[in-house]
């Protein structure tokens, strides 16, 4: 175990993690907005159907 720590200390600096770089957000495309709208409408409709089915019980 001591040998492992000794080798880790002797390792080149490239073996250590690099600094954090903030990700650059990408612009949202019109196609992504369309699919988000479609998914939102489908979610609202499915919630309405579930509410209808539960209220019938």
N, C-alpha and C. Protein backbone atom coordinates (compact mmCIF):
# COMPACT_ATOMS: atom_id res chain seq x y z
N UNK A 1 0.83 -1.18 0.00
CA UNK A 1 0.00 0.00 0.00
C UNK A 1 0.87 1.25 0.00
N UNK A 2 1.96 1.21 0.74
CA UNK A 2 2.86 2.36 0.77
C UNK A 2 3.48 2.59 -0.60
N UNK A 3 3.73 1.51 -1.32
CA UNK A 3 4.30 1.66 -2.66
C UNK A 3 3.33 2.37 -3.60
N UNK A 4 2.05 2.04 -3.45
CA UNK A 4 1.04 2.67 -4.30
C UNK A 4 1.03 4.18 -4.09
N UNK A 5 1.04 4.61 -2.83
CA UNK A 5 1.04 6.05 -2.54
C UNK A 5 2.32 6.71 -3.03
N UNK A 6 3.43 6.02 -2.93
CA UNK A 6 4.69 6.58 -3.40
C UNK A 6 4.65 6.74 -4.93
N UNK A 7 4.09 5.75 -5.62
CA UNK A 7 3.98 5.85 -7.08
C UNK A 7 2.99 6.95 -7.48
N UNK A 8 1.93 7.11 -6.71
CA UNK A 8 0.96 8.15 -7.02
C UNK A 8 1.58 9.53 -6.88
N UNK A 9 2.44 9.70 -5.92
CA UNK A 9 3.10 10.99 -5.74
C UNK A 9 4.13 11.26 -6.84
N UNK A 10 4.69 10.21 -7.39
CA UNK A 10 5.69 10.36 -8.43
C UNK A 10 5.08 10.44 -9.83
N UNK A 11 3.77 10.23 -9.94
CA UNK A 11 3.10 10.25 -11.24
C UNK A 11 3.19 11.65 -11.84
N UNK A 12 3.20 11.73 -13.14
CA UNK A 12 3.25 13.05 -13.78
C UNK A 12 1.97 13.83 -13.50
N UNK A 13 2.04 15.11 -13.62
CA UNK A 13 0.88 15.95 -13.30
C UNK A 13 -0.28 15.72 -14.27
N UNK A 14 -0.03 15.15 -15.43
CA UNK A 14 -1.10 14.85 -16.37
C UNK A 14 -2.05 13.78 -15.87
N UNK A 15 -1.63 13.01 -14.88
CA UNK A 15 -2.48 11.95 -14.35
C UNK A 15 -3.56 12.51 -13.44
N UNK A 16 -3.41 13.72 -12.98
CA UNK A 16 -4.41 14.31 -12.09
C UNK A 16 -5.52 14.94 -12.90
N UNK A 17 -6.65 15.16 -12.27
CA UNK A 17 -7.82 15.70 -12.97
C UNK A 17 -7.56 17.12 -13.44
N UNK A 18 -8.15 17.43 -14.58
CA UNK A 18 -8.03 18.78 -15.13
C UNK A 18 -9.01 19.71 -14.43
N UNK A 19 -8.80 20.99 -14.58
CA UNK A 19 -9.69 21.97 -13.97
C UNK A 19 -11.07 21.95 -14.61
N UNK A 20 -12.04 22.41 -13.89
CA UNK A 20 -13.43 22.41 -14.37
C UNK A 20 -13.64 23.54 -15.37
N UNK A 21 -14.25 23.21 -16.49
CA UNK A 21 -14.61 24.21 -17.49
C UNK A 21 -16.12 24.26 -17.58
N UNK A 22 -16.68 25.45 -17.43
CA UNK A 22 -18.13 25.59 -17.49
C UNK A 22 -18.65 25.23 -18.87
N UNK A 23 -19.73 24.45 -18.94
CA UNK A 23 -20.29 24.14 -20.25
C UNK A 23 -21.00 25.36 -20.84
N UNK A 24 -20.89 25.50 -22.14
CA UNK A 24 -21.53 26.62 -22.82
C UNK A 24 -22.91 26.14 -23.29
N UNK A 25 -23.99 26.77 -22.85
CA UNK A 25 -25.32 26.31 -23.27
C UNK A 25 -25.54 26.53 -24.76
N UNK A 26 -26.17 25.57 -25.38
CA UNK A 26 -26.46 25.64 -26.81
C UNK A 26 -27.82 26.31 -27.01
N UNK A 27 -28.00 27.04 -28.09
CA UNK A 27 -29.30 27.65 -28.35
C UNK A 27 -30.33 26.58 -28.66
N UNK A 28 -31.57 26.82 -28.24
CA UNK A 28 -32.64 25.85 -28.47
C UNK A 28 -33.16 26.02 -29.89
N UNK A 29 -33.27 24.92 -30.60
CA UNK A 29 -33.72 24.97 -31.99
C UNK A 29 -35.25 24.96 -32.05
N UNK A 30 -35.78 25.31 -33.21
CA UNK A 30 -37.23 25.30 -33.38
C UNK A 30 -37.77 23.88 -33.33
N UNK A 31 -36.99 22.91 -33.78
CA UNK A 31 -37.43 21.51 -33.73
C UNK A 31 -37.53 21.05 -32.28
N UNK A 32 -36.60 21.45 -31.45
CA UNK A 32 -36.66 21.09 -30.04
C UNK A 32 -37.87 21.74 -29.37
N UNK A 33 -38.16 22.98 -29.73
CA UNK A 33 -39.34 23.64 -29.16
C UNK A 33 -40.62 22.95 -29.59
N UNK A 34 -40.68 22.49 -30.86
CA UNK A 34 -41.86 21.77 -31.34
C UNK A 34 -42.08 20.48 -30.56
N UNK A 35 -41.01 19.69 -30.36
CA UNK A 35 -41.17 18.42 -29.65
C UNK A 35 -41.49 18.65 -28.18
N UNK A 36 -40.97 19.72 -27.60
CA UNK A 36 -41.32 20.04 -26.21
C UNK A 36 -42.80 20.39 -26.12
N UNK A 37 -43.33 21.15 -27.09
CA UNK A 37 -44.75 21.49 -27.12
C UNK A 37 -45.59 20.22 -27.28
N UNK A 38 -45.19 19.34 -28.18
CA UNK A 38 -45.93 18.10 -28.40
C UNK A 38 -45.94 17.23 -27.14
N UNK A 39 -44.80 17.13 -26.47
CA UNK A 39 -44.72 16.34 -25.24
C UNK A 39 -45.54 16.97 -24.13
N UNK A 40 -45.55 18.28 -24.05
CA UNK A 40 -46.34 18.97 -23.02
C UNK A 40 -47.83 18.74 -23.23
N UNK A 41 -48.28 18.83 -24.48
CA UNK A 41 -49.69 18.59 -24.77
C UNK A 41 -50.06 17.14 -24.46
N UNK A 42 -49.19 16.20 -24.83
CA UNK A 42 -49.46 14.79 -24.55
C UNK A 42 -49.52 14.54 -23.04
N UNK A 43 -48.67 15.20 -22.28
CA UNK A 43 -48.69 15.04 -20.82
C UNK A 43 -49.99 15.58 -20.24
N UNK A 44 -50.44 16.73 -20.69
CA UNK A 44 -51.67 17.33 -20.17
C UNK A 44 -52.87 16.44 -20.52
N UNK A 45 -52.90 15.91 -21.74
CA UNK A 45 -54.00 15.02 -22.13
C UNK A 45 -53.99 13.74 -21.31
N UNK A 46 -52.80 13.17 -21.12
CA UNK A 46 -52.73 11.93 -20.34
C UNK A 46 -53.11 12.17 -18.88
N UNK A 47 -52.76 13.31 -18.32
CA UNK A 47 -53.18 13.62 -16.95
C UNK A 47 -54.69 13.76 -16.86
N UNK A 48 -55.31 14.35 -17.89
CA UNK A 48 -56.76 14.46 -17.93
C UNK A 48 -57.42 13.10 -18.01
N UNK A 49 -56.88 12.20 -18.82
CA UNK A 49 -57.44 10.85 -18.94
C UNK A 49 -57.31 10.10 -17.62
N UNK A 50 -56.18 10.20 -16.98
CA UNK A 50 -55.98 9.54 -15.68
C UNK A 50 -56.96 10.10 -14.66
N UNK A 51 -57.15 11.41 -14.64
CA UNK A 51 -58.08 12.01 -13.69
C UNK A 51 -59.50 11.51 -13.95
N UNK A 52 -59.87 11.37 -15.22
CA UNK A 52 -61.20 10.88 -15.58
C UNK A 52 -61.37 9.43 -15.11
N UNK A 53 -60.36 8.59 -15.35
CA UNK A 53 -60.45 7.19 -14.98
C UNK A 53 -60.49 7.01 -13.46
N UNK A 54 -59.75 7.81 -12.73
CA UNK A 54 -59.73 7.70 -11.28
C UNK A 54 -61.02 8.20 -10.68
N UNK A 55 -61.62 9.24 -11.26
CA UNK A 55 -62.85 9.79 -10.69
C UNK A 55 -64.04 8.85 -10.91
N UNK A 56 -63.95 7.96 -11.89
CA UNK A 56 -65.03 7.01 -12.14
C UNK A 56 -65.08 5.91 -11.10
N UNK A 57 -64.01 5.66 -10.42
CA UNK A 57 -63.96 4.58 -9.42
C UNK A 57 -64.80 4.86 -8.26
